[in-house]
Amino acid sequence: RGGVPVGVSTVNGRTRAVRAVCPHLG
């Protein structure tokens, strides 16, 4: 999304989106 990896998942019926870049070293 706009050049930024985004992780989208569905667990227990709920869909969430997070920035899929590890804050350690990217």
PDB file of all heavy atoms in Angstrom:
ATOM      1  N   ARG A   1       0.859  -1.182   0.000  1.00  0.00           N
ATOM      2  CA  ARG A   1       0.000   0.000   0.000  1.00  0.00           C
ATOM      3  C   ARG A   1       0.897   1.234   0.000  1.00  0.00           C
ATOM      4  O   ARG A   1       1.559   1.535   0.987  1.00  0.00           O
ATOM      5  CB  ARG A   1      -0.917   0.000   1.215  1.00  0.00           C
ATOM      6  CG  ARG A   1      -1.928   1.142   1.227  1.00  0.00           C
ATOM      7  CD  ARG A   1      -2.775   1.104   2.480  1.00  0.00           C
ATOM      8  NE  ARG A   1      -3.549  -0.134   2.576  1.00  0.00           N
ATOM      9  CZ  ARG A   1      -4.220  -0.487   3.666  1.00  0.00           C
ATOM     10  NH1 ARG A   1      -4.192   0.279   4.744  1.00  0.00           N
ATOM     11  NH2 ARG A   1      -4.909  -1.626   3.685  1.00  0.00           N
ATOM     12  N   GLY A   2       0.978   1.882  -1.138  1.00  0.00           N
ATOM     13  CA  GLY A   2       1.844   3.044  -1.242  1.00  0.00           C
ATOM     14  C   GLY A   2       3.306   2.706  -1.060  1.00  0.00           C
ATOM     15  O   GLY A   2       4.072   3.517  -0.515  1.00  0.00           O
ATOM     16  N   GLY A   3       3.702   1.490  -1.492  1.00  0.00           N
ATOM     17  CA  GLY A   3       5.090   1.064  -1.353  1.00  0.00           C
ATOM     18  C   GLY A   3       5.439   0.506   0.005  1.00  0.00           C
ATOM     19  O   GLY A   3       6.596   0.149   0.239  1.00  0.00           O
ATOM     20  N   VAL A   4       4.465   0.396   0.907  1.00  0.00           N
ATOM     21  CA  VAL A   4       4.701  -0.122   2.246  1.00  0.00           C
ATOM     22  C   VAL A   4       4.028  -1.487   2.381  1.00  0.00           C
ATOM     23  O   VAL A   4       2.827  -1.611   2.130  1.00  0.00           O
ATOM     24  CB  VAL A   4       4.146   0.833   3.319  1.00  0.00           C
ATOM     25  CG1 VAL A   4       4.329   0.232   4.715  1.00  0.00           C
ATOM     26  CG2 VAL A   4       4.838   2.189   3.237  1.00  0.00           C
ATOM     27  N   PRO A   5       4.761  -2.542   2.769  1.00  0.00           N
ATOM     28  CA  PRO A   5       4.128  -3.850   2.971  1.00  0.00           C
ATOM     29  C   PRO A   5       3.124  -3.815   4.123  1.00  0.00           C
ATOM     30  O   PRO A   5       3.422  -3.308   5.211  1.00  0.00           O
ATOM     31  CB  PRO A   5       5.308  -4.768   3.298  1.00  0.00           C
ATOM     32  CG  PRO A   5       6.503  -4.086   2.712  1.00  0.00           C
ATOM     33  CD  PRO A   5       6.237  -2.622   2.893  1.00  0.00           C
ATOM     34  N   VAL A   6       1.946  -4.323   3.861  1.00  0.00           N
ATOM     35  CA  VAL A   6       0.881  -4.391   4.855  1.00  0.00           C
ATOM     36  C   VAL A   6       0.421  -5.834   4.954  1.00  0.00           C
ATOM     37  O   VAL A   6       0.200  -6.500   3.933  1.00  0.00           O
ATOM     38  CB  VAL A   6      -0.301  -3.481   4.474  1.00  0.00           C
ATOM     39  CG1 VAL A   6      -1.477  -3.687   5.430  1.00  0.00           C
ATOM     40  CG2 VAL A   6       0.131  -2.020   4.483  1.00  0.00           C
ATOM     41  N   GLY A   7       0.311  -6.336   6.178  1.00  0.00           N
ATOM     42  CA  GLY A   7      -0.154  -7.694   6.402  1.00  0.00           C
ATOM     43  C   GLY A   7      -1.613  -7.697   6.797  1.00  0.00           C
ATOM     44  O   GLY A   7      -2.013  -7.016   7.749  1.00  0.00           O
ATOM     45  N   VAL A   8      -2.417  -8.457   6.057  1.00  0.00           N
ATOM     46  CA  VAL A   8      -3.845  -8.566   6.328  1.00  0.00           C
ATOM     47  C   VAL A   8      -4.135 -10.016   6.698  1.00  0.00           C
ATOM     48  O   VAL A   8      -3.743 -10.938   5.983  1.00  0.00           O
ATOM     49  CB  VAL A   8      -4.690  -8.148   5.104  1.00  0.00           C
ATOM     50  CG1 VAL A   8      -6.178  -8.210   5.442  1.00  0.00           C
ATOM     51  CG2 VAL A   8      -4.295  -6.757   4.636  1.00  0.00           C
ATOM     52  N   SER A   9      -4.800 -10.231   7.837  1.00  0.00           N
ATOM     53  CA  SER A   9      -5.093 -11.586   8.289  1.00  0.00           C
ATOM     54  C   SER A   9      -6.500 -11.659   8.866  1.00  0.00           C
ATOM     55  O   SER A   9      -7.071 -10.646   9.295  1.00  0.00           O
ATOM     56  CB  SER A   9      -4.088 -12.038   9.353  1.00  0.00           C
ATOM     57  OG  SER A   9      -4.213 -11.246  10.530  1.00  0.00           O
ATOM     58  N   THR A  10      -7.036 -12.877   8.872  1.00  0.00           N
ATOM     59  CA  THR A  10      -8.336 -13.129   9.480  1.00  0.00           C
ATOM     60  C   THR A  10      -8.184 -14.248  10.499  1.00  0.00           C
ATOM     61  O   THR A  10      -7.793 -15.370  10.145  1.00  0.00           O
ATOM     62  CB  THR A  10      -9.378 -13.541   8.435  1.00  0.00           C
ATOM     63  OG1 THR A  10      -9.496 -12.512   7.450  1.00  0.00           O
ATOM     64  CG2 THR A  10     -10.737 -13.767   9.091  1.00  0.00           C
ATOM     65  N   VAL A  11      -8.447 -13.941  11.759  1.00  0.00           N
ATOM     66  CA  VAL A  11      -8.327 -14.903  12.845  1.00  0.00           C
ATOM     67  C   VAL A  11      -9.530 -14.741  13.764  1.00  0.00           C
ATOM     68  O   VAL A  11      -9.863 -13.615  14.171  1.00  0.00           O
ATOM     69  CB  VAL A  11      -7.017 -14.697  13.644  1.00  0.00           C
ATOM     70  CG1 VAL A  11      -6.942 -15.682  14.807  1.00  0.00           C
ATOM     71  CG2 VAL A  11      -5.806 -14.860  12.739  1.00  0.00           C
ATOM     72  N   ASN A  12     -10.184 -15.863  14.060  1.00  0.00           N
ATOM     73  CA  ASN A  12     -11.386 -15.855  14.902  1.00  0.00           C
ATOM     74  C   ASN A  12     -12.447 -14.903  14.360  1.00  0.00           C
ATOM     75  O   ASN A  12     -13.131 -14.196  15.113  1.00  0.00           O
ATOM     76  CB  ASN A  12     -11.036 -15.498  16.347  1.00  0.00           C
ATOM     77  CG  ASN A  12     -10.147 -16.534  17.004  1.00  0.00           C
ATOM     78  OD1 ASN A  12     -10.222 -17.722  16.704  1.00  0.00           O
ATOM     79  ND2 ASN A  12      -9.268 -16.095  17.900  1.00  0.00           N
ATOM     80  N   GLY A  13     -12.566 -14.880  13.041  1.00  0.00           N
ATOM     81  CA  GLY A  13     -13.598 -14.087  12.405  1.00  0.00           C
ATOM     82  C   GLY A  13     -13.294 -12.611  12.279  1.00  0.00           C
ATOM     83  O   GLY A  13     -14.097 -11.855  11.714  1.00  0.00           O
ATOM     84  N   ARG A  14     -12.141 -12.185  12.758  1.00  0.00           N
ATOM     85  CA  ARG A  14     -11.802 -10.750  12.706  1.00  0.00           C
ATOM     86  C   ARG A  14     -10.640 -10.533  11.752  1.00  0.00           C
ATOM     87  O   ARG A  14      -9.613 -11.198  11.856  1.00  0.00           O
ATOM     88  CB  ARG A  14     -11.436 -10.244  14.095  1.00  0.00           C
ATOM     89  CG  ARG A  14     -11.165  -8.743  14.117  1.00  0.00           C
ATOM     90  CD  ARG A  14     -10.946  -8.237  15.514  1.00  0.00           C
ATOM     91  NE  ARG A  14     -10.683  -6.807  15.538  1.00  0.00           N
ATOM     92  CZ  ARG A  14     -10.410  -6.120  16.625  1.00  0.00           C
ATOM     93  NH1 ARG A  14     -10.361  -6.724  17.801  1.00  0.00           N
ATOM     94  NH2 ARG A  14     -10.178  -4.820  16.552  1.00  0.00           N
ATOM     95  N   THR A  15     -10.824  -9.595  10.833  1.00  0.00           N
ATOM     96  CA  THR A  15      -9.781  -9.254   9.874  1.00  0.00           C
ATOM     97  C   THR A  15      -9.057  -8.003  10.337  1.00  0.00           C
ATOM     98  O   THR A  15      -9.681  -6.994  10.673  1.00  0.00           O
ATOM     99  CB  THR A  15     -10.366  -9.038   8.474  1.00  0.00           C
ATOM    100  OG1 THR A  15     -11.026 -10.247   8.065  1.00  0.00           O
ATOM    101  CG2 THR A  15      -9.280  -8.716   7.468  1.00  0.00           C
ATOM    102  N   ARG A  16      -7.719  -8.091  10.350  1.00  0.00           N
ATOM    103  CA  ARG A  16      -6.900  -6.970  10.813  1.00  0.00           C
ATOM    104  C   ARG A  16      -5.822  -6.684   9.784  1.00  0.00           C
ATOM    105  O   ARG A  16      -5.420  -7.572   9.026  1.00  0.00           O
ATOM    106  CB  ARG A  16      -6.222  -7.298  12.148  1.00  0.00           C
ATOM    107  CG  ARG A  16      -7.152  -7.627  13.304  1.00  0.00           C
ATOM    108  CD  ARG A  16      -6.307  -8.006  14.508  1.00  0.00           C
ATOM    109  NE  ARG A  16      -7.079  -8.259  15.708  1.00  0.00           N
ATOM    110  CZ  ARG A  16      -7.572  -9.446  16.042  1.00  0.00           C
ATOM    111  NH1 ARG A  16      -7.377 -10.477  15.234  1.00  0.00           N
ATOM    112  NH2 ARG A  16      -8.235  -9.604  17.166  1.00  0.00           N
ATOM    113  N   ALA A  17      -5.317  -5.464   9.822  1.00  0.00           N
ATOM    114  CA  ALA A  17      -4.203  -5.074   8.955  1.00  0.00           C
ATOM    115  C   ALA A  17      -3.133  -4.414   9.813  1.00  0.00           C
ATOM    116  O   ALA A  17      -3.433  -3.575  10.668  1.00  0.00           O
ATOM    117  CB  ALA A  17      -4.674  -4.124   7.861  1.00  0.00           C
ATOM    118  N   VAL A  18      -1.873  -4.808   9.593  1.00  0.00           N
ATOM    119  CA  VAL A  18      -0.743  -4.236  10.316  1.00  0.00           C
ATOM    120  C   VAL A  18       0.356  -3.915   9.314  1.00  0.00           C
ATOM    121  O   VAL A  18       0.386  -4.451   8.200  1.00  0.00           O
ATOM    122  CB  VAL A  18      -0.201  -5.211  11.386  1.00  0.00           C
ATOM    123  CG1 VAL A  18      -1.243  -5.474  12.460  1.00  0.00           C
ATOM    124  CG2 VAL A  18       0.263  -6.519  10.751  1.00  0.00           C
ATOM    125  N   ARG A  19       1.245  -3.049   9.704  1.00  0.00           N
ATOM    126  CA  ARG A  19       2.423  -2.786   8.888  1.00  0.00           C
ATOM    127  C   ARG A  19       3.326  -4.015   8.964  1.00  0.00           C
ATOM    128  O   ARG A  19       3.843  -4.350  10.039  1.00  0.00           O
ATOM    129  CB  ARG A  19       3.158  -1.552   9.394  1.00  0.00           C
ATOM    130  CG  ARG A  19       4.377  -1.166   8.550  1.00  0.00           C
ATOM    131  CD  ARG A  19       5.086   0.030   9.182  1.00  0.00           C
ATOM    132  NE  ARG A  19       6.325   0.341   8.499  1.00  0.00           N
ATOM    133  CZ  ARG A  19       6.474   1.256   7.552  1.00  0.00           C
ATOM    134  NH1 ARG A  19       5.415   1.958   7.159  1.00  0.00           N
ATOM    135  NH2 ARG A  19       7.648   1.471   6.983  1.00  0.00           N
ATOM    136  N   ALA A  20       3.527  -4.711   7.849  1.00  0.00           N
ATOM    137  CA  ALA A  20       4.216  -5.999   7.848  1.00  0.00           C
ATOM    138  C   ALA A  20       5.721  -5.836   7.691  1.00  0.00           C
ATOM    139  O   ALA A  20       6.369  -6.535   6.898  1.00  0.00           O
ATOM    140  CB  ALA A  20       3.659  -6.890   6.751  1.00  0.00           C
ATOM    141  N   VAL A  21       6.298  -4.919   8.435  1.00  0.00           N
ATOM    142  CA  VAL A  21       7.733  -4.656   8.402  1.00  0.00           C
ATOM    143  C   VAL A  21       8.258  -4.791   9.824  1.00  0.00           C
ATOM    144  O   VAL A  21       7.804  -4.097  10.735  1.00  0.00           O
ATOM    145  CB  VAL A  21       8.048  -3.258   7.847  1.00  0.00           C
ATOM    146  CG1 VAL A  21       9.548  -3.019   7.847  1.00  0.00           C
ATOM    147  CG2 VAL A  21       7.472  -3.092   6.451  1.00  0.00           C
ATOM    148  N   CYS A  22       9.220  -5.702  10.016  1.00  0.00           N
ATOM    149  CA  CYS A  22       9.747  -5.923  11.359  1.00  0.00           C
ATOM    150  C   CYS A  22      10.441  -4.658  11.855  1.00  0.00           C
ATOM    151  O   CYS A  22      11.320  -4.106  11.171  1.00  0.00           O
ATOM    152  CB  CYS A  22      10.730  -7.085  11.343  1.00  0.00           C
ATOM    153  SG  CYS A  22      11.390  -7.484  12.983  1.00  0.00           S
ATOM    154  N   PRO A  23      10.089  -4.174  13.043  1.00  0.00           N
ATOM    155  CA  PRO A  23      10.732  -2.963  13.562  1.00  0.00           C
ATOM    156  C   PRO A  23      12.180  -3.163  13.981  1.00  0.00           C
ATOM    157  O   PRO A  23      12.841  -2.187  14.332  1.00  0.00           O
ATOM    158  CB  PRO A  23       9.852  -2.591  14.771  1.00  0.00           C
ATOM    159  CG  PRO A  23       9.170  -3.852  15.151  1.00  0.00           C
ATOM    160  CD  PRO A  23       9.008  -4.653  13.912  1.00  0.00           C
ATOM    161  N   HIS A  24      12.674  -4.394  13.919  1.00  0.00           N
ATOM    162  CA  HIS A  24      14.074  -4.633  14.277  1.00  0.00           C
ATOM    163  C   HIS A  24      15.003  -4.115  13.185  1.00  0.00           C
ATOM    164  O   HIS A  24      15.696  -3.109  13.368  1.00  0.00           O
ATOM    165  CB  HIS A  24      14.316  -6.126  14.548  1.00  0.00           C
ATOM    166  CG  HIS A  24      15.738  -6.456  14.835  1.00  0.00           C
ATOM    167  ND1 HIS A  24      16.407  -7.474  14.191  1.00  0.00           N
ATOM    168  CD2 HIS A  24      16.642  -5.900  15.678  1.00  0.00           C
ATOM    169  CE1 HIS A  24      17.650  -7.540  14.642  1.00  0.00           C
ATOM    170  NE2 HIS A  24      17.818  -6.597  15.549  1.00  0.00           N
ATOM    171  N   LEU A  25      14.976  -4.777  12.008  1.00  0.00           N
ATOM    172  CA  LEU A  25      15.846  -4.342  10.912  1.00  0.00           C
ATOM    173  C   LEU A  25      15.108  -4.256   9.573  1.00  0.00           C
ATOM    174  O   LEU A  25      15.755  -4.292   8.519  1.00  0.00           O
ATOM    175  CB  LEU A  25      17.049  -5.289  10.769  1.00  0.00           C
ATOM    176  CG  LEU A  25      18.107  -5.214  11.870  1.00  0.00           C
ATOM    177  CD1 LEU A  25      19.239  -6.188  11.581  1.00  0.00           C
ATOM    178  CD2 LEU A  25      18.659  -3.808  12.035  1.00  0.00           C
ATOM    179  N   GLY A  26      13.792  -4.173   9.615  1.00  0.00           N
ATOM    180  CA  GLY A  26      13.052  -3.884   8.398  1.00  0.00           C
ATOM    181  C   GLY A  26      12.737  -5.056   7.502  1.00  0.00           C
ATOM    182  O   GLY A  26      12.400  -4.865   6.326  1.00  0.00           O
TER     183      GLY A  26
END
